[in-house]
Amino acid sequence: MDEVKSNKDYNPEMHSAEHILNQTMVRMFNKGRSFSNHIEKKKSKCDYHFDRNLTDEEVETINKSK
């Protein structure tokens, strides 16, 4: 079977981090995966649906996720 190549040039570490973040958000908040994301070396973002701001403690926990 031939490997399917994407037209996008992903940094493998950044792409893995996106998956880890999505799973962390699902486990912590049961909100589902990001509805929009943009992953690049210099600046990235992942958007989630929330009805409140995250607490400082929640942000710290997410930042420690591996």
N, C-alpha and C. Protein backbone atom coordinates (compact mmCIF):
# COMPACT_ATOMS: atom_id res chain seq x y z
N MET A 1 0.85 -1.18 0.00
CA MET A 1 0.00 0.00 0.00
C MET A 1 0.90 1.24 0.00
N ASP A 2 0.58 2.22 -0.82
CA ASP A 2 1.36 3.46 -0.91
C ASP A 2 1.03 4.39 0.24
N GLU A 3 2.06 5.11 0.73
CA GLU A 3 1.87 6.09 1.79
C GLU A 3 1.22 7.34 1.21
N VAL A 4 0.23 7.87 1.91
CA VAL A 4 -0.45 9.09 1.48
C VAL A 4 0.30 10.26 2.08
N LYS A 5 0.73 11.19 1.26
CA LYS A 5 1.47 12.37 1.71
C LYS A 5 0.53 13.57 1.77
N SER A 6 0.67 14.38 2.80
CA SER A 6 -0.11 15.60 2.94
C SER A 6 0.61 16.74 2.23
N ASN A 7 -0.15 17.71 1.76
CA ASN A 7 0.43 18.91 1.15
C ASN A 7 0.99 19.85 2.20
N LYS A 8 0.61 19.65 3.46
CA LYS A 8 1.06 20.53 4.53
C LYS A 8 2.42 20.05 5.04
N ASP A 9 3.25 21.01 5.44
CA ASP A 9 4.57 20.72 5.96
C ASP A 9 4.55 20.89 7.47
N TYR A 10 4.22 19.81 8.20
CA TYR A 10 4.12 19.86 9.64
C TYR A 10 5.47 19.61 10.30
N ASN A 11 5.75 20.34 11.36
CA ASN A 11 6.85 20.01 12.23
C ASN A 11 6.34 18.85 13.09
N PRO A 12 7.00 17.69 13.08
CA PRO A 12 6.48 16.52 13.79
C PRO A 12 6.24 16.76 15.29
N GLU A 13 7.14 17.50 15.94
CA GLU A 13 6.95 17.77 17.36
C GLU A 13 5.72 18.63 17.61
N MET A 14 5.51 19.63 16.78
CA MET A 14 4.35 20.52 16.92
C MET A 14 3.06 19.74 16.66
N HIS A 15 3.09 18.88 15.68
CA HIS A 15 1.91 18.09 15.35
C HIS A 15 1.57 17.15 16.51
N SER A 16 2.59 16.54 17.11
CA SER A 16 2.36 15.67 18.28
C SER A 16 1.81 16.48 19.44
N ALA A 17 2.35 17.68 19.65
CA ALA A 17 1.87 18.54 20.74
C ALA A 17 0.40 18.88 20.56
N GLU A 18 -0.02 19.09 19.33
CA GLU A 18 -1.44 19.37 19.06
C GLU A 18 -2.31 18.21 19.51
N HIS A 19 -1.89 16.99 19.22
CA HIS A 19 -2.65 15.80 19.62
C HIS A 19 -2.68 15.65 21.15
N ILE A 20 -1.56 15.90 21.80
CA ILE A 20 -1.49 15.81 23.26
C ILE A 20 -2.40 16.86 23.89
N LEU A 21 -2.37 18.08 23.38
CA LEU A 21 -3.23 19.14 23.91
C LEU A 21 -4.70 18.78 23.73
N ASN A 22 -5.08 18.31 22.55
CA ASN A 22 -6.48 17.94 22.32
C ASN A 22 -6.93 16.85 23.31
N GLN A 23 -6.11 15.83 23.51
CA GLN A 23 -6.49 14.75 24.43
C GLN A 23 -6.56 15.26 25.87
N THR A 24 -5.65 16.14 26.25
CA THR A 24 -5.69 16.73 27.59
C THR A 24 -6.98 17.50 27.80
N MET A 25 -7.37 18.30 26.82
CA MET A 25 -8.59 19.10 26.93
C MET A 25 -9.83 18.21 27.00
N VAL A 26 -9.83 17.13 26.24
CA VAL A 26 -10.96 16.19 26.28
C VAL A 26 -11.05 15.56 27.68
N ARG A 27 -9.93 15.12 28.20
CA ARG A 27 -9.92 14.45 29.51
C ARG A 27 -10.26 15.40 30.66
N MET A 28 -9.74 16.62 30.61
CA MET A 28 -9.96 17.55 31.72
C MET A 28 -11.34 18.20 31.69
N PHE A 29 -11.85 18.51 30.50
CA PHE A 29 -13.06 19.33 30.41
C PHE A 29 -14.19 18.70 29.62
N ASN A 30 -13.93 17.56 28.97
CA ASN A 30 -14.96 16.88 28.19
C ASN A 30 -15.62 17.83 27.18
N LYS A 31 -14.80 18.67 26.55
CA LYS A 31 -15.31 19.66 25.61
C LYS A 31 -15.05 19.28 24.15
N GLY A 32 -14.39 18.20 23.91
CA GLY A 32 -14.09 17.83 22.53
C GLY A 32 -12.80 18.46 22.05
N ARG A 33 -12.44 18.10 20.86
CA ARG A 33 -11.20 18.59 20.25
C ARG A 33 -11.34 20.05 19.84
N SER A 34 -10.22 20.68 19.50
CA SER A 34 -10.26 22.08 19.07
C SER A 34 -11.10 22.21 17.80
N PHE A 35 -11.84 23.31 17.70
CA PHE A 35 -12.65 23.53 16.51
C PHE A 35 -11.87 24.28 15.44
N SER A 36 -10.74 24.84 15.83
CA SER A 36 -9.88 25.55 14.90
C SER A 36 -8.47 25.53 15.45
N ASN A 37 -7.49 25.30 14.58
CA ASN A 37 -6.12 25.37 15.03
C ASN A 37 -5.21 25.78 13.89
N HIS A 38 -4.10 26.35 14.28
CA HIS A 38 -3.10 26.83 13.33
C HIS A 38 -1.75 26.56 13.97
N ILE A 39 -1.00 25.64 13.40
CA ILE A 39 0.25 25.19 14.00
C ILE A 39 1.43 25.62 13.13
N GLU A 40 2.28 26.45 13.69
CA GLU A 40 3.51 26.87 13.01
C GLU A 40 4.63 26.95 14.04
N LYS A 41 5.87 27.05 13.56
CA LYS A 41 7.02 27.09 14.46
C LYS A 41 6.99 28.30 15.38
N LYS A 42 6.72 29.48 14.85
CA LYS A 42 6.83 30.70 15.64
C LYS A 42 5.59 31.01 16.48
N LYS A 43 4.41 30.64 15.98
CA LYS A 43 3.18 30.97 16.71
C LYS A 43 2.10 29.96 16.34
N SER A 44 1.46 29.43 17.35
CA SER A 44 0.40 28.45 17.13
C SER A 44 -0.80 28.79 18.00
N LYS A 45 -1.96 28.25 17.62
CA LYS A 45 -3.15 28.44 18.44
C LYS A 45 -4.09 27.27 18.23
N CYS A 46 -4.82 26.92 19.27
CA CYS A 46 -5.88 25.93 19.21
C CYS A 46 -7.08 26.55 19.91
N ASP A 47 -8.23 26.55 19.27
CA ASP A 47 -9.43 27.17 19.82
C ASP A 47 -10.41 26.10 20.28
N TYR A 48 -10.97 26.32 21.48
CA TYR A 48 -11.94 25.41 22.08
C TYR A 48 -13.17 26.20 22.49
N HIS A 49 -14.32 25.54 22.53
CA HIS A 49 -15.56 26.17 22.99
C HIS A 49 -15.63 26.08 24.51
N PHE A 50 -15.64 27.24 25.18
CA PHE A 50 -15.77 27.32 26.63
C PHE A 50 -16.75 28.42 26.97
N ASP A 51 -17.44 28.25 28.09
CA ASP A 51 -18.36 29.30 28.55
C ASP A 51 -17.76 30.12 29.69
N ARG A 52 -16.45 29.91 29.94
CA ARG A 52 -15.76 30.65 30.99
C ARG A 52 -14.27 30.67 30.68
N ASN A 53 -13.54 31.52 31.38
CA ASN A 53 -12.08 31.52 31.27
C ASN A 53 -11.51 30.38 32.10
N LEU A 54 -10.36 29.88 31.71
CA LEU A 54 -9.69 28.86 32.50
C LEU A 54 -9.06 29.51 33.73
N THR A 55 -9.01 28.76 34.82
CA THR A 55 -8.34 29.28 36.01
C THR A 55 -6.83 29.17 35.82
N ASP A 56 -6.08 29.90 36.63
CA ASP A 56 -4.62 29.82 36.58
C ASP A 56 -4.15 28.39 36.84
N GLU A 57 -4.81 27.71 37.76
CA GLU A 57 -4.43 26.33 38.09
C GLU A 57 -4.68 25.40 36.89
N GLU A 58 -5.79 25.59 36.20
CA GLU A 58 -6.09 24.77 35.02
C GLU A 58 -5.05 25.00 33.92
N VAL A 59 -4.68 26.25 33.69
CA VAL A 59 -3.67 26.56 32.69
C VAL A 59 -2.34 25.91 33.06
N GLU A 60 -1.97 25.97 34.33
CA GLU A 60 -0.73 25.36 34.78
C GLU A 60 -0.75 23.84 34.56
N THR A 61 -1.87 23.20 34.87
CA THR A 61 -2.01 21.75 34.66
C THR A 61 -1.88 21.39 33.19
N ILE A 62 -2.52 22.17 32.33
CA ILE A 62 -2.45 21.92 30.89
C ILE A 62 -1.01 22.08 30.40
N ASN A 63 -0.34 23.11 30.85
CA ASN A 63 1.05 23.35 30.43
C ASN A 63 1.99 22.25 30.87
N LYS A 64 1.66 21.53 31.92
CA LYS A 64 2.51 20.43 32.41
C LYS A 64 2.20 19.10 31.72
N SER A 65 1.15 19.05 30.93
CA SER A 65 0.74 17.79 30.28
C SER A 65 1.80 17.31 29.31
N LYS A 66 1.97 16.00 29.28
CA LYS A 66 2.93 15.37 28.34
C LYS A 66 2.30 14.17 27.70
